[in-house]
């Protein structure tokens, strides 16, 4: 099972924000992000964040919005 856990890297040490569930030993892949922004208001997706060849629009966000899962039996 794959798990993604955020954390920080500083002076050669990776600090996870939580303990992985049911993992005693495992290989990992660490991805370094551009910078650490501790302001929670800057940690949301914003228009144009994943622009590629064009900027994201409000319609893109409507398309990507989660509409529920028909198979989760939570109706």
PDB file of N, CA and C in Angstrom:
ATOM      1  N   UNK A   1       0.840  -1.178   0.000  1.00  0.00           N
ATOM      2  CA  UNK A   1       0.000   0.000   0.000  1.00  0.00           C
ATOM      3  C   UNK A   1       0.885   1.242   0.000  1.00  0.00           C
ATOM      4  N   UNK A   2       0.594   2.187  -0.851  1.00  0.00           N
ATOM      5  CA  UNK A   2       1.339   3.437  -0.904  1.00  0.00           C
ATOM      6  C   UNK A   2       0.752   4.426   0.080  1.00  0.00           C
ATOM      7  N   UNK A   3       1.623   5.195   0.728  1.00  0.00           N
ATOM      8  CA  UNK A   3       1.188   6.259   1.624  1.00  0.00           C
ATOM      9  C   UNK A   3       1.999   7.506   1.297  1.00  0.00           C
ATOM     10  N   UNK A   4       1.370   8.637   1.328  1.00  0.00           N
ATOM     11  CA  UNK A   4       2.059   9.912   1.161  1.00  0.00           C
ATOM     12  C   UNK A   4       1.961  10.669   2.475  1.00  0.00           C
ATOM     13  N   UNK A   5       3.101  11.106   2.964  1.00  0.00           N
ATOM     14  CA  UNK A   5       3.153  11.842   4.221  1.00  0.00           C
ATOM     15  C   UNK A   5       4.032  13.062   4.007  1.00  0.00           C
ATOM     16  N   UNK A   6       3.553  14.222   4.411  1.00  0.00           N
ATOM     17  CA  UNK A   6       4.353  15.433   4.251  1.00  0.00           C
ATOM     18  C   UNK A   6       5.420  15.498   5.333  1.00  0.00           C
ATOM     19  N   UNK A   7       6.354  16.347   5.128  1.00  0.00           N
ATOM     20  CA  UNK A   7       7.430  16.521   6.092  1.00  0.00           C
ATOM     21  C   UNK A   7       8.349  17.633   5.644  1.00  0.00           C
ATOM     22  N   UNK A   8       9.463  17.761   6.323  1.00  0.00           N
ATOM     23  CA  UNK A   8      10.460  18.769   5.967  1.00  0.00           C
ATOM     24  C   UNK A   8      11.843  18.132   5.953  1.00  0.00           C
ATOM     25  N   UNK A   9      12.750  18.747   5.230  1.00  0.00           N
ATOM     26  CA  UNK A   9      14.140  18.314   5.159  1.00  0.00           C
ATOM     27  C   UNK A   9      15.002  19.495   5.557  1.00  0.00           C
ATOM     28  N   UNK A  10      15.866  19.291   6.507  1.00  0.00           N
ATOM     29  CA  UNK A  10      16.766  20.365   6.925  1.00  0.00           C
ATOM     30  C   UNK A  10      18.042  19.761   7.489  1.00  0.00           C
ATOM     31  N   UNK A  11      19.168  20.229   6.993  1.00  0.00           N
ATOM     32  CA  UNK A  11      20.481  19.787   7.467  1.00  0.00           C
ATOM     33  C   UNK A  11      20.631  18.270   7.441  1.00  0.00           C
ATOM     34  N   UNK A  12      20.173  17.627   6.363  1.00  0.00           N
ATOM     35  CA  UNK A  12      20.345  16.194   6.196  1.00  0.00           C
ATOM     36  C   UNK A  12      19.339  15.323   6.916  1.00  0.00           C
ATOM     37  N   UNK A  13      18.331  15.909   7.535  1.00  0.00           N
ATOM     38  CA  UNK A  13      17.343  15.143   8.296  1.00  0.00           C
ATOM     39  C   UNK A  13      15.954  15.364   7.702  1.00  0.00           C
ATOM     40  N   UNK A  14      15.250  14.240   7.460  1.00  0.00           N
ATOM     41  CA  UNK A  14      13.862  14.296   7.002  1.00  0.00           C
ATOM     42  C   UNK A  14      12.976  14.112   8.225  1.00  0.00           C
ATOM     43  N   UNK A  15      12.087  15.054   8.462  1.00  0.00           N
ATOM     44  CA  UNK A  15      11.155  15.018   9.600  1.00  0.00           C
ATOM     45  C   UNK A  15       9.746  14.857   9.052  1.00  0.00           C
ATOM     46  N   UNK A  16       9.092  13.719   9.337  1.00  0.00           N
ATOM     47  CA  UNK A  16       7.730  13.484   8.871  1.00  0.00           C
ATOM     48  C   UNK A  16       6.730  14.135   9.814  1.00  0.00           C
ATOM     49  N   UNK A  17       5.578  14.537   9.275  1.00  0.00           N
ATOM     50  CA  UNK A  17       4.546  15.170  10.105  1.00  0.00           C
ATOM     51  C   UNK A  17       3.690  14.152  10.833  1.00  0.00           C
ATOM     52  N   UNK A  18       3.777  12.871  10.441  1.00  0.00           N
ATOM     53  CA  UNK A  18       3.025  11.821  11.112  1.00  0.00           C
ATOM     54  C   UNK A  18       3.728  10.485  10.911  1.00  0.00           C
ATOM     55  N   UNK A  19       3.379   9.505  11.726  1.00  0.00           N
ATOM     56  CA  UNK A  19       3.952   8.171  11.634  1.00  0.00           C
ATOM     57  C   UNK A  19       3.191   7.380  10.568  1.00  0.00           C
ATOM     58  N   UNK A  20       3.885   6.715   9.627  1.00  0.00           N
ATOM     59  CA  UNK A  20       3.184   5.906   8.632  1.00  0.00           C
ATOM     60  C   UNK A  20       2.431   4.749   9.302  1.00  0.00           C
ATOM     61  N   UNK A  21       1.251   4.430   8.786  1.00  0.00           N
ATOM     62  CA  UNK A  21       0.441   3.350   9.341  1.00  0.00           C
ATOM     63  C   UNK A  21       0.939   1.993   8.859  1.00  0.00           C
ATOM     64  N   UNK A  22       1.108   1.049   9.780  1.00  0.00           N
ATOM     65  CA  UNK A  22       1.459  -0.339   9.462  1.00  0.00           C
ATOM     66  C   UNK A  22       2.729  -0.476   8.632  1.00  0.00           C
ATOM     67  N   UNK A  23       3.726   0.362   8.892  1.00  0.00           N
ATOM     68  CA  UNK A  23       4.998   0.285   8.172  1.00  0.00           C
ATOM     69  C   UNK A  23       6.126   0.159   9.194  1.00  0.00           C
ATOM     70  N   UNK A  24       6.841  -0.952   9.128  1.00  0.00           N
ATOM     71  CA  UNK A  24       8.009  -1.139  10.007  1.00  0.00           C
ATOM     72  C   UNK A  24       9.283  -0.808   9.252  1.00  0.00           C
ATOM     73  N   UNK A  25       9.322  -1.176   7.972  1.00  0.00           N
ATOM     74  CA  UNK A  25      10.492  -0.938   7.137  1.00  0.00           C
ATOM     75  C   UNK A  25      10.006  -0.832   5.700  1.00  0.00           C
ATOM     76  N   UNK A  26      10.554   0.105   4.946  1.00  0.00           N
ATOM     77  CA  UNK A  26      10.097   0.293   3.575  1.00  0.00           C
ATOM     78  C   UNK A  26      11.085   1.144   2.799  1.00  0.00           C
ATOM     79  N   UNK A  27      11.129   0.936   1.493  1.00  0.00           N
ATOM     80  CA  UNK A  27      11.842   1.849   0.617  1.00  0.00           C
ATOM     81  C   UNK A  27      10.995   3.115   0.491  1.00  0.00           C
ATOM     82  N   UNK A  28      11.629   4.250   0.253  1.00  0.00           N
ATOM     83  CA  UNK A  28      10.906   5.512   0.101  1.00  0.00           C
ATOM     84  C   UNK A  28      11.445   6.279  -1.093  1.00  0.00           C
ATOM     85  N   UNK A  29      10.629   7.179  -1.586  1.00  0.00           N
ATOM     86  CA  UNK A  29      11.044   8.159  -2.589  1.00  0.00           C
ATOM     87  C   UNK A  29      10.767   9.523  -1.981  1.00  0.00           C
ATOM     88  N   UNK A  30      11.779  10.356  -1.904  1.00  0.00           N
ATOM     89  CA  UNK A  30      11.625  11.698  -1.340  1.00  0.00           C
ATOM     90  C   UNK A  30      11.623  12.699  -2.491  1.00  0.00           C
ATOM     91  N   UNK A  31      10.612  13.544  -2.533  1.00  0.00           N
ATOM     92  CA  UNK A  31      10.492  14.580  -3.554  1.00  0.00           C
ATOM     93  C   UNK A  31      10.685  15.931  -2.887  1.00  0.00           C
ATOM     94  N   UNK A  32      11.632  16.712  -3.373  1.00  0.00           N
ATOM     95  CA  UNK A  32      11.899  18.022  -2.795  1.00  0.00           C
ATOM     96  C   UNK A  32      11.079  19.083  -3.527  1.00  0.00           C
ATOM     97  N   UNK A  33      10.264  19.811  -2.785  1.00  0.00           N
ATOM     98  CA  UNK A  33       9.450  20.884  -3.329  1.00  0.00           C
ATOM     99  C   UNK A  33      10.284  22.157  -3.381  1.00  0.00           C
ATOM    100  N   UNK A  34       9.823  23.142  -4.138  1.00  0.00           N
ATOM    101  CA  UNK A  34      10.593  24.367  -4.326  1.00  0.00           C
ATOM    102  C   UNK A  34      10.951  25.061  -3.025  1.00  0.00           C
ATOM    103  N   UNK A  35       9.983  25.235  -2.140  1.00  0.00           N
ATOM    104  CA  UNK A  35      10.259  25.938  -0.894  1.00  0.00           C
ATOM    105  C   UNK A  35       9.235  25.539   0.150  1.00  0.00           C
ATOM    106  N   UNK A  36       9.500  25.912   1.375  1.00  0.00           N
ATOM    107  CA  UNK A  36       8.573  25.651   2.464  1.00  0.00           C
ATOM    108  C   UNK A  36       7.802  26.927   2.737  1.00  0.00           C
ATOM    109  N   UNK A  37       6.497  26.845   2.644  1.00  0.00           N
ATOM    110  CA  UNK A  37       5.632  27.990   2.943  1.00  0.00           C
ATOM    111  C   UNK A  37       4.753  27.586   4.115  1.00  0.00           C
ATOM    112  N   UNK A  38       4.991  28.168   5.270  1.00  0.00           N
ATOM    113  CA  UNK A  38       4.252  27.771   6.468  1.00  0.00           C
ATOM    114  C   UNK A  38       2.905  28.476   6.594  1.00  0.00           C
ATOM    115  N   UNK A  39       2.595  29.397   5.694  1.00  0.00           N
ATOM    116  CA  UNK A  39       1.306  30.070   5.718  1.00  0.00           C
ATOM    117  C   UNK A  39       0.261  29.153   5.096  1.00  0.00           C
ATOM    118  N   UNK A  40      -0.708  28.629   5.892  1.00  0.00           N
ATOM    119  CA  UNK A  40      -1.690  27.695   5.341  1.00  0.00           C
ATOM    120  C   UNK A  40      -2.530  28.278   4.218  1.00  0.00           C
ATOM    121  N   UNK A  41      -2.667  29.590   4.152  1.00  0.00           N
ATOM    122  CA  UNK A  41      -3.459  30.198   3.085  1.00  0.00           C
ATOM    123  C   UNK A  41      -2.750  30.069   1.736  1.00  0.00           C
ATOM    124  N   UNK A  42      -1.451  29.799   1.735  1.00  0.00           N
ATOM    125  CA  UNK A  42      -0.698  29.660   0.496  1.00  0.00           C
ATOM    126  C   UNK A  42      -0.538  28.201   0.087  1.00  0.00           C
ATOM    127  N   UNK A  43      -1.205  27.273   0.769  1.00  0.00           N
ATOM    128  CA  UNK A  43      -1.044  25.860   0.479  1.00  0.00           C
ATOM    129  C   UNK A  43      -2.223  25.287  -0.296  1.00  0.00           C
ATOM    130  N   UNK A  44      -3.087  26.122  -0.810  1.00  0.00           N
ATOM    131  CA  UNK A  44      -4.220  25.677  -1.606  1.00  0.00           C
ATOM    132  C   UNK A  44      -3.905  25.857  -3.081  1.00  0.00           C
ATOM    133  N   UNK A  45      -4.595  25.101  -3.920  1.00  0.00           N
ATOM    134  CA  UNK A  45      -4.429  25.275  -5.360  1.00  0.00           C
ATOM    135  C   UNK A  45      -4.992  26.627  -5.755  1.00  0.00           C
ATOM    136  N   UNK A  46      -4.271  27.324  -6.579  1.00  0.00           N
ATOM    137  CA  UNK A  46      -4.723  28.626  -7.048  1.00  0.00           C
ATOM    138  C   UNK A  46      -4.808  28.626  -8.566  1.00  0.00           C
ATOM    139  N   UNK A  47      -5.571  29.530  -9.113  1.00  0.00           N
ATOM    140  CA  UNK A  47      -5.670  29.647 -10.562  1.00  0.00           C
ATOM    141  C   UNK A  47      -4.283  29.842 -11.154  1.00  0.00           C
ATOM    142  N   UNK A  48      -3.958  29.052 -12.179  1.00  0.00           N
ATOM    143  CA  UNK A  48      -2.674  29.177 -12.850  1.00  0.00           C
ATOM    144  C   UNK A  48      -1.557  28.385 -12.215  1.00  0.00           C
ATOM    145  N   UNK A  49      -1.822  27.711 -11.110  1.00  0.00           N
ATOM    146  CA  UNK A  49      -0.765  26.990 -10.391  1.00  0.00           C
ATOM    147  C   UNK A  49      -0.141  25.901 -11.262  1.00  0.00           C
ATOM    148  N   UNK A  50      -0.945  25.182 -12.029  1.00  0.00           N
ATOM    149  CA  UNK A  50      -0.461  24.130 -12.905  1.00  0.00           C
ATOM    150  C   UNK A  50      -0.739  24.521 -14.349  1.00  0.00           C
ATOM    151  N   UNK A  51      -0.154  25.613 -14.762  1.00  0.00           N
ATOM    152  CA  UNK A  51      -0.551  26.235 -16.016  1.00  0.00           C
ATOM    153  C   UNK A  51      -0.146  25.463 -17.261  1.00  0.00           C
ATOM    154  N   UNK A  52       1.027  24.848 -17.303  1.00  0.00           N
ATOM    155  CA  UNK A  52       1.458  24.183 -18.534  1.00  0.00           C
ATOM    156  C   UNK A  52       1.510  25.187 -19.655  1.00  0.00           C
ATOM    157  N   UNK A  53       0.706  24.955 -20.684  1.00  0.00           N
ATOM    158  CA  UNK A  53       0.707  25.876 -21.822  1.00  0.00           C
ATOM    159  C   UNK A  53      -0.342  26.967 -21.690  1.00  0.00           C
ATOM    160  N   UNK A  54      -1.242  26.837 -20.695  1.00  0.00           N
ATOM    161  CA  UNK A  54      -2.238  27.884 -20.469  1.00  0.00           C
ATOM    162  C   UNK A  54      -2.568  27.925 -18.984  1.00  0.00           C
ATOM    163  N   UNK A  55      -3.100  29.016 -18.532  1.00  0.00           N
ATOM    164  CA  UNK A  55      -3.463  29.133 -17.125  1.00  0.00           C
ATOM    165  C   UNK A  55      -4.761  28.404 -16.831  1.00  0.00           C
ATOM    166  N   UNK A  56      -4.857  27.861 -15.616  1.00  0.00           N
ATOM    167  CA  UNK A  56      -6.094  27.211 -15.179  1.00  0.00           C
ATOM    168  C   UNK A  56      -7.204  28.251 -15.091  1.00  0.00           C
ATOM    169  N   UNK A  57      -8.410  27.802 -15.362  1.00  0.00           N
ATOM    170  CA  UNK A  57      -9.573  28.686 -15.295  1.00  0.00           C
ATOM    171  C   UNK A  57     -10.541  28.174 -14.237  1.00  0.00           C
ATOM    172  N   UNK A  58     -11.548  28.963 -13.920  1.00  0.00           N
ATOM    173  CA  UNK A  58     -12.575  28.532 -12.977  1.00  0.00           C
ATOM    174  C   UNK A  58     -13.282  27.288 -13.496  1.00  0.00           C
ATOM    175  N   UNK A  59     -13.447  27.164 -14.801  1.00  0.00           N
ATOM    176  CA  UNK A  59     -14.074  25.981 -15.393  1.00  0.00           C
ATOM    177  C   UNK A  59     -13.227  24.733 -15.147  1.00  0.00           C
ATOM    178  N   UNK A  60     -11.904  24.867 -15.188  1.00  0.00           N
ATOM    179  CA  UNK A  60     -11.018  23.742 -14.877  1.00  0.00           C
ATOM    180  C   UNK A  60     -11.270  23.237 -13.461  1.00  0.00           C
ATOM    181  N   UNK A  61     -11.467  24.150 -12.536  1.00  0.00           N
ATOM    182  CA  UNK A  61     -11.714  23.759 -11.147  1.00  0.00           C
ATOM    183  C   UNK A  61     -13.063  23.063 -11.006  1.00  0.00           C
ATOM    184  N   UNK A  62     -14.068  23.498 -11.765  1.00  0.00           N
ATOM    185  CA  UNK A  62     -15.376  22.836 -11.729  1.00  0.00           C
ATOM    186  C   UNK A  62     -15.262  21.407 -12.236  1.00  0.00           C
ATOM    187  N   UNK A  63     -14.486  21.201 -13.299  1.00  0.00           N
ATOM    188  CA  UNK A  63     -14.286  19.869 -13.862  1.00  0.00           C
ATOM    189  C   UNK A  63     -13.565  18.965 -12.861  1.00  0.00           C
ATOM    190  N   UNK A  64     -12.594  19.503 -12.138  1.00  0.00           N
ATOM    191  CA  UNK A  64     -11.784  18.714 -11.211  1.00  0.00           C
ATOM    192  C   UNK A  64     -12.450  18.500  -9.852  1.00  0.00           C
ATOM    193  N   UNK A  65     -13.537  19.197  -9.565  1.00  0.00           N
ATOM    194  CA  UNK A  65     -14.190  19.104  -8.261  1.00  0.00           C
ATOM    195  C   UNK A  65     -14.734  17.708  -8.008  1.00  0.00           C
ATOM    196  N   UNK A  66     -14.509  17.200  -6.808  1.00  0.00           N
ATOM    197  CA  UNK A  66     -14.982  15.872  -6.416  1.00  0.00           C
ATOM    198  C   UNK A  66     -16.497  15.885  -6.294  1.00  0.00           C
ATOM    199  N   UNK A  67     -17.157  14.975  -6.968  1.00  0.00           N
ATOM    200  CA  UNK A  67     -18.618  14.911  -6.988  1.00  0.00           C
ATOM    201  C   UNK A  67     -19.162  13.725  -6.205  1.00  0.00           C
ATOM    202  N   UNK A  68     -18.338  13.096  -5.405  1.00  0.00           N
ATOM    203  CA  UNK A  68     -18.769  11.931  -4.638  1.00  0.00           C
ATOM    204  C   UNK A  68     -18.383  10.647  -5.333  1.00  0.00           C
ATOM    205  N   UNK A  69     -18.501   9.561  -4.623  1.00  0.00           N
ATOM    206  CA  UNK A  69     -18.138   8.248  -5.134  1.00  0.00           C
ATOM    207  C   UNK A  69     -19.369   7.356  -5.065  1.00  0.00           C
ATOM    208  N   UNK A  70     -19.866   6.929  -6.203  1.00  0.00           N
ATOM    209  CA  UNK A  70     -21.071   6.112  -6.246  1.00  0.00           C
ATOM    210  C   UNK A  70     -20.872   4.756  -5.577  1.00  0.00           C
ATOM    211  N   UNK A  71     -19.639   4.286  -5.488  1.00  0.00           N
ATOM    212  CA  UNK A  71     -19.358   2.968  -4.926  1.00  0.00           C
ATOM    213  C   UNK A  71     -19.064   2.982  -3.429  1.00  0.00           C
ATOM    214  N   UNK A  72     -19.116   4.137  -2.770  1.00  0.00           N
ATOM    215  CA  UNK A  72     -18.734   4.166  -1.355  1.00  0.00           C
ATOM    216  C   UNK A  72     -19.875   3.868  -0.395  1.00  0.00           C
ATOM    217  N   UNK A  73     -21.089   3.691  -0.887  1.00  0.00           N
ATOM    218  CA  UNK A  73     -22.275   3.350  -0.081  1.00  0.00           C
ATOM    219  C   UNK A  73     -22.560   4.379   1.014  1.00  0.00           C
ATOM    220  N   UNK A  74     -22.239   5.625   0.770  1.00  0.00           N
ATOM    221  CA  UNK A  74     -22.476   6.675   1.761  1.00  0.00           C
ATOM    222  C   UNK A  74     -23.697   7.529   1.417  1.00  0.00           C
ATOM    223  N   UNK A  75     -24.520   7.080   0.506  1.00  0.00           N
ATOM    224  CA  UNK A  75     -25.665   7.882   0.076  1.00  0.00           C
ATOM    225  C   UNK A  75     -26.623   8.070   1.196  1.00  0.00           C
TER     226      UNK A  75
END
